[in-house]
């Protein structure tokens, strides 16, 4: 069952990367990259659970925090001026 879930996550990861490449606007690309990072965290958690390595969950939590900070920084940088 975990193998099927990991395959579904990897297919979603490929689709999100395609969206990041062909996204028409910058916000579509940022959303796709954020989704890619979230799916990578999910795959890390699945691999860690299947392999019996709980330290993978610590790495996944750290990667989630970096993803959040990076996404907020990019959106803050590209936010249009409100004048």
C-alpha atoms as a PDB file:
ATOM      1  CA  UNK A   1       0.000   0.000   0.000  1.00  0.00           C
ATOM      2  CA  UNK A   2       2.833   2.401   0.783  1.00  0.00           C
ATOM      3  CA  UNK A   3       4.399   1.665  -2.583  1.00  0.00           C
ATOM      4  CA  UNK A   4       1.191   2.693  -4.333  1.00  0.00           C
ATOM      5  CA  UNK A   5       1.054   5.891  -2.261  1.00  0.00           C
ATOM      6  CA  UNK A   6       4.676   6.682  -3.100  1.00  0.00           C
ATOM      7  CA  UNK A   7       4.042   6.136  -6.808  1.00  0.00           C
ATOM      8  CA  UNK A   8       1.013   8.461  -6.642  1.00  0.00           C
ATOM      9  CA  UNK A   9       3.097  11.108  -4.884  1.00  0.00           C
ATOM     10  CA  UNK A  10       5.857  10.797  -7.497  1.00  0.00           C
ATOM     11  CA  UNK A  11       3.348  11.180 -10.340  1.00  0.00           C
ATOM     12  CA  UNK A  12       1.940  14.276  -8.631  1.00  0.00           C
ATOM     13  CA  UNK A  13       5.500  15.553  -8.205  1.00  0.00           C
ATOM     14  CA  UNK A  14       6.163  15.227 -11.940  1.00  0.00           C
ATOM     15  CA  UNK A  15       2.906  17.013 -12.770  1.00  0.00           C
ATOM     16  CA  UNK A  16       3.730  19.854 -10.363  1.00  0.00           C
ATOM     17  CA  UNK A  17       7.185  20.241 -11.929  1.00  0.00           C
ATOM     18  CA  UNK A  18       5.623  20.437 -15.388  1.00  0.00           C
ATOM     19  CA  UNK A  19       3.295  23.149 -14.087  1.00  0.00           C
ATOM     20  CA  UNK A  20       6.278  25.025 -12.647  1.00  0.00           C
ATOM     21  CA  UNK A  21       7.968  24.989 -16.044  1.00  0.00           C
ATOM     22  CA  UNK A  22       4.995  26.001 -18.205  1.00  0.00           C
ATOM     23  CA  UNK A  23       3.089  28.165 -15.713  1.00  0.00           C
ATOM     24  CA  UNK A  24       1.794  31.302 -17.422  1.00  0.00           C
ATOM     25  CA  UNK A  25       2.329  33.622 -14.454  1.00  0.00           C
ATOM     26  CA  UNK A  26       4.895  33.940 -11.707  1.00  0.00           C
ATOM     27  CA  UNK A  27       2.331  33.103  -9.034  1.00  0.00           C
ATOM     28  CA  UNK A  28       1.474  29.833 -10.827  1.00  0.00           C
ATOM     29  CA  UNK A  29       5.151  28.925 -10.781  1.00  0.00           C
ATOM     30  CA  UNK A  30       5.528  29.775  -7.086  1.00  0.00           C
ATOM     31  CA  UNK A  31       2.475  27.663  -6.250  1.00  0.00           C
ATOM     32  CA  UNK A  32       3.832  24.761  -8.311  1.00  0.00           C
ATOM     33  CA  UNK A  33       7.242  24.949  -6.624  1.00  0.00           C
ATOM     34  CA  UNK A  34       5.547  25.072  -3.213  1.00  0.00           C
ATOM     35  CA  UNK A  35       3.464  22.026  -4.155  1.00  0.00           C
ATOM     36  CA  UNK A  36       6.614  20.260  -5.342  1.00  0.00           C
ATOM     37  CA  UNK A  37       8.308  20.874  -2.022  1.00  0.00           C
ATOM     38  CA  UNK A  38       5.250  19.681  -0.119  1.00  0.00           C
ATOM     39  CA  UNK A  39       5.131  16.498  -2.181  1.00  0.00           C
ATOM     40  CA  UNK A  40       8.858  15.992  -1.578  1.00  0.00           C
ATOM     41  CA  UNK A  41       8.224  16.242   2.168  1.00  0.00           C
ATOM     42  CA  UNK A  42       5.414  13.713   1.862  1.00  0.00           C
ATOM     43  CA  UNK A  43       7.650  11.325  -0.066  1.00  0.00           C
ATOM     44  CA  UNK A  44      10.389  11.731   2.570  1.00  0.00           C
ATOM     45  CA  UNK A  45       7.896  10.831   5.269  1.00  0.00           C
ATOM     46  CA  UNK A  46       6.674   7.793   3.329  1.00  0.00           C
ATOM     47  CA  UNK A  47      10.196   6.566   2.623  1.00  0.00           C
ATOM     48  CA  UNK A  48      11.152   7.083   6.248  1.00  0.00           C
ATOM     49  CA  UNK A  49       8.132   5.127   7.430  1.00  0.00           C
ATOM     50  CA  UNK A  50       8.689   2.245   5.016  1.00  0.00           C
ATOM     51  CA  UNK A  51      12.432   2.064   5.770  1.00  0.00           C
ATOM     52  CA  UNK A  52      11.866   2.323   9.514  1.00  0.00           C
ATOM     53  CA  UNK A  53      14.021   5.454   9.784  1.00  0.00           C
ATOM     54  CA  UNK A  54      12.255   8.008  12.015  1.00  0.00           C
ATOM     55  CA  UNK A  55      15.013  10.592  11.468  1.00  0.00           C
ATOM     56  CA  UNK A  56      13.615  11.136   7.966  1.00  0.00           C
ATOM     57  CA  UNK A  57      10.623  12.796   9.621  1.00  0.00           C
ATOM     58  CA  UNK A  58      12.948  15.303  11.296  1.00  0.00           C
ATOM     59  CA  UNK A  59      14.457  16.111   7.905  1.00  0.00           C
ATOM     60  CA  UNK A  60      10.957  16.444   6.436  1.00  0.00           C
ATOM     61  CA  UNK A  61       9.933  18.910   9.160  1.00  0.00           C
ATOM     62  CA  UNK A  62      13.056  20.988   8.581  1.00  0.00           C
ATOM     63  CA  UNK A  63      12.442  20.989   4.838  1.00  0.00           C
ATOM     64  CA  UNK A  64       8.848  22.098   5.445  1.00  0.00           C
ATOM     65  CA  UNK A  65      10.027  25.085   7.474  1.00  0.00           C
ATOM     66  CA  UNK A  66      12.542  26.038   4.781  1.00  0.00           C
ATOM     67  CA  UNK A  67       9.823  25.708   2.152  1.00  0.00           C
ATOM     68  CA  UNK A  68       7.508  28.019   4.082  1.00  0.00           C
ATOM     69  CA  UNK A  69      10.182  30.663   4.643  1.00  0.00           C
ATOM     70  CA  UNK A  70      11.332  30.491   1.025  1.00  0.00           C
ATOM     71  CA  UNK A  71       7.818  30.791  -0.366  1.00  0.00           C
ATOM     72  CA  UNK A  72       7.015  33.769   1.846  1.00  0.00           C
ATOM     73  CA  UNK A  73      10.276  35.459   0.862  1.00  0.00           C
ATOM     74  CA  UNK A  74       9.640  34.995  -2.857  1.00  0.00           C
ATOM     75  CA  UNK A  75       6.062  36.242  -2.589  1.00  0.00           C
ATOM     76  CA  UNK A  76       7.162  39.203  -0.481  1.00  0.00           C
ATOM     77  CA  UNK A  77       9.862  40.091  -3.026  1.00  0.00           C
ATOM     78  CA  UNK A  78       7.535  39.910  -6.043  1.00  0.00           C
ATOM     79  CA  UNK A  79       4.531  41.540  -4.386  1.00  0.00           C
ATOM     80  CA  UNK A  80       3.428  44.524  -6.464  1.00  0.00           C
ATOM     81  CA  UNK A  81       3.616  47.948  -4.871  1.00  0.00           C
ATOM     82  CA  UNK A  82       0.392  49.220  -3.376  1.00  0.00           C
ATOM     83  CA  UNK A  83       0.310  52.895  -4.351  1.00  0.00           C
END
